Amino acid sequence: MVTTLTSREFNHDTSGAKKAASRGPVFITDRGRPAHVLLTIEDYLRLTGGHMSLAEALAQAGTDFDFDPPRVAGGIFKPADLD
């Protein structure tokens, strides 16, 4: 089932739009023209072949990665060699 909402309707009822997305894609229009599509993550992954880029994976809500880069000994700046 496809749902179409104006940008204003989407802004006023985002929870309703998310519920509608569980039933199918939600088209969001700007000035009467389709501008965006809201999908569940399952539908998105199905459409993209189940692959997510690193940026998409990092953007997922609740994702937490430990990152403790090693310190660079002696600093990272060197004087310019002008000779």
C-alpha atoms as a PDB file:
ATOM      1  CA  MET A   1       0.000   0.000   0.000  1.00  0.00           C
ATOM      2  CA  VAL A   2       1.475   3.350  -1.079  1.00  0.00           C
ATOM      3  CA  THR A   3       0.773   6.492   0.968  1.00  0.00           C
ATOM      4  CA  THR A   4       1.278  10.074  -0.222  1.00  0.00           C
ATOM      5  CA  LEU A   5       1.696  12.971   2.203  1.00  0.00           C
ATOM      6  CA  THR A   6       2.475  16.634   1.716  1.00  0.00           C
ATOM      7  CA  SER A   7       5.539  17.982   3.511  1.00  0.00           C
ATOM      8  CA  ARG A   8       3.223  19.807   5.886  1.00  0.00           C
ATOM      9  CA  GLU A   9       1.264  16.618   6.696  1.00  0.00           C
ATOM     10  CA  PHE A  10       4.536  14.767   7.257  1.00  0.00           C
ATOM     11  CA  ASN A  11       5.817  17.489   9.608  1.00  0.00           C
ATOM     12  CA  HIS A  12       2.585  17.461  11.608  1.00  0.00           C
ATOM     13  CA  ASP A  13       2.329  13.679  11.961  1.00  0.00           C
ATOM     14  CA  THR A  14       5.706  11.951  11.661  1.00  0.00           C
ATOM     15  CA  SER A  15       4.568   9.051  13.850  1.00  0.00           C
ATOM     16  CA  GLY A  16       1.643   8.477  11.471  1.00  0.00           C
ATOM     17  CA  ALA A  17       4.058   8.531   8.531  1.00  0.00           C
ATOM     18  CA  LYS A  18       6.255   5.921  10.228  1.00  0.00           C
ATOM     19  CA  LYS A  19       3.219   3.716  10.835  1.00  0.00           C
ATOM     20  CA  ALA A  20       2.202   4.098   7.185  1.00  0.00           C
ATOM     21  CA  ALA A  21       5.751   3.139   6.121  1.00  0.00           C
ATOM     22  CA  SER A  22       5.295  -0.194   7.890  1.00  0.00           C
ATOM     23  CA  ARG A  23       2.520  -0.901   5.349  1.00  0.00           C
ATOM     24  CA  GLY A  24       4.435   0.356   2.294  1.00  0.00           C
ATOM     25  CA  PRO A  25       6.377   3.316   0.894  1.00  0.00           C
ATOM     26  CA  VAL A  26       5.340   6.829   1.907  1.00  0.00           C
ATOM     27  CA  PHE A  27       5.802   9.463  -0.791  1.00  0.00           C
ATOM     28  CA  ILE A  28       6.342  12.976   0.580  1.00  0.00           C
ATOM     29  CA  THR A  29       5.565  15.813  -1.802  1.00  0.00           C
ATOM     30  CA  ASP A  30       6.851  19.381  -2.030  1.00  0.00           C
ATOM     31  CA  ARG A  31       4.563  21.753  -3.932  1.00  0.00           C
ATOM     32  CA  GLY A  32       2.621  18.816  -5.329  1.00  0.00           C
ATOM     33  CA  ARG A  33       5.658  16.957  -6.702  1.00  0.00           C
ATOM     34  CA  PRO A  34       7.156  13.795  -5.160  1.00  0.00           C
ATOM     35  CA  ALA A  35      10.346  14.779  -3.332  1.00  0.00           C
ATOM     36  CA  HIS A  36      11.115  12.012  -0.806  1.00  0.00           C
ATOM     37  CA  VAL A  37      10.214   8.432  -0.002  1.00  0.00           C
ATOM     38  CA  LEU A  38      10.023   7.042   3.535  1.00  0.00           C
ATOM     39  CA  LEU A  39      10.762   3.304   3.838  1.00  0.00           C
ATOM     40  CA  THR A  40      11.332   0.888   6.669  1.00  0.00           C
ATOM     41  CA  ILE A  41      14.951  -0.204   6.996  1.00  0.00           C
ATOM     42  CA  GLU A  42      13.894  -3.705   5.937  1.00  0.00           C
ATOM     43  CA  ASP A  43      12.397  -2.403   2.684  1.00  0.00           C
ATOM     44  CA  TYR A  44      15.462  -0.232   2.071  1.00  0.00           C
ATOM     45  CA  LEU A  45      17.849  -3.152   2.567  1.00  0.00           C
ATOM     46  CA  ARG A  46      15.720  -5.346   0.309  1.00  0.00           C
ATOM     47  CA  LEU A  47      15.839  -2.698  -2.446  1.00  0.00           C
ATOM     48  CA  THR A  48      19.592  -2.152  -2.112  1.00  0.00           C
ATOM     49  CA  GLY A  49      20.434  -5.849  -2.090  1.00  0.00           C
ATOM     50  CA  GLY A  50      21.049  -5.917   1.650  1.00  0.00           C
ATOM     51  CA  HIS A  51      24.236  -3.876   1.477  1.00  0.00           C
ATOM     52  CA  MET A  52      24.867  -0.810   3.550  1.00  0.00           C
ATOM     53  CA  SER A  53      27.783   1.583   3.150  1.00  0.00           C
ATOM     54  CA  LEU A  54      30.019   2.306   6.117  1.00  0.00           C
ATOM     55  CA  ALA A  55      28.462   5.773   6.414  1.00  0.00           C
ATOM     56  CA  GLU A  56      24.954   4.270   6.487  1.00  0.00           C
ATOM     57  CA  ALA A  57      25.977   1.725   9.113  1.00  0.00           C
ATOM     58  CA  LEU A  58      27.513   4.434  11.299  1.00  0.00           C
ATOM     59  CA  ALA A  59      24.405   6.603  10.937  1.00  0.00           C
ATOM     60  CA  GLN A  60      22.112   3.922  12.392  1.00  0.00           C
ATOM     61  CA  ALA A  61      20.498   4.999  15.645  1.00  0.00           C
ATOM     62  CA  GLY A  62      21.917   3.313  18.717  1.00  0.00           C
ATOM     63  CA  THR A  63      25.149   2.349  16.963  1.00  0.00           C
ATOM     64  CA  ASP A  64      28.182   2.747  19.159  1.00  0.00           C
ATOM     65  CA  PHE A  65      31.748   2.076  18.092  1.00  0.00           C
ATOM     66  CA  ASP A  66      34.815   2.188  20.300  1.00  0.00           C
ATOM     67  CA  PHE A  67      37.611   4.064  18.596  1.00  0.00           C
ATOM     68  CA  ASP A  68      40.854   4.719  20.421  1.00  0.00           C
ATOM     69  CA  PRO A  69      43.510   5.672  17.876  1.00  0.00           C
ATOM     70  CA  PRO A  70      47.131   5.275  18.950  1.00  0.00           C
ATOM     71  CA  ARG A  71      49.070   8.406  19.878  1.00  0.00           C
ATOM     72  CA  VAL A  72      51.668   9.530  17.361  1.00  0.00           C
ATOM     73  CA  ALA A  73      55.073   9.742  19.048  1.00  0.00           C
ATOM     74  CA  GLY A  74      56.831  13.055  18.592  1.00  0.00           C
ATOM     75  CA  GLY A  75      53.776  14.848  17.270  1.00  0.00           C
ATOM     76  CA  ILE A  76      52.487  15.114  13.730  1.00  0.00           C
ATOM     77  CA  PHE A  77      54.065  18.438  12.755  1.00  0.00           C
ATOM     78  CA  LYS A  78      57.565  18.714  11.255  1.00  0.00           C
ATOM     79  CA  PRO A  79      59.462  21.848  10.385  1.00  0.00           C
ATOM     80  CA  ALA A  80      59.451  22.679   6.667  1.00  0.00           C
ATOM     81  CA  ASP A  81      62.541  21.574   4.739  1.00  0.00           C
ATOM     82  CA  LEU A  82      63.346  24.649   2.671  1.00  0.00           C
ATOM     83  CA  ASP A  83      66.782  23.480   1.416  1.00  0.00           C
END
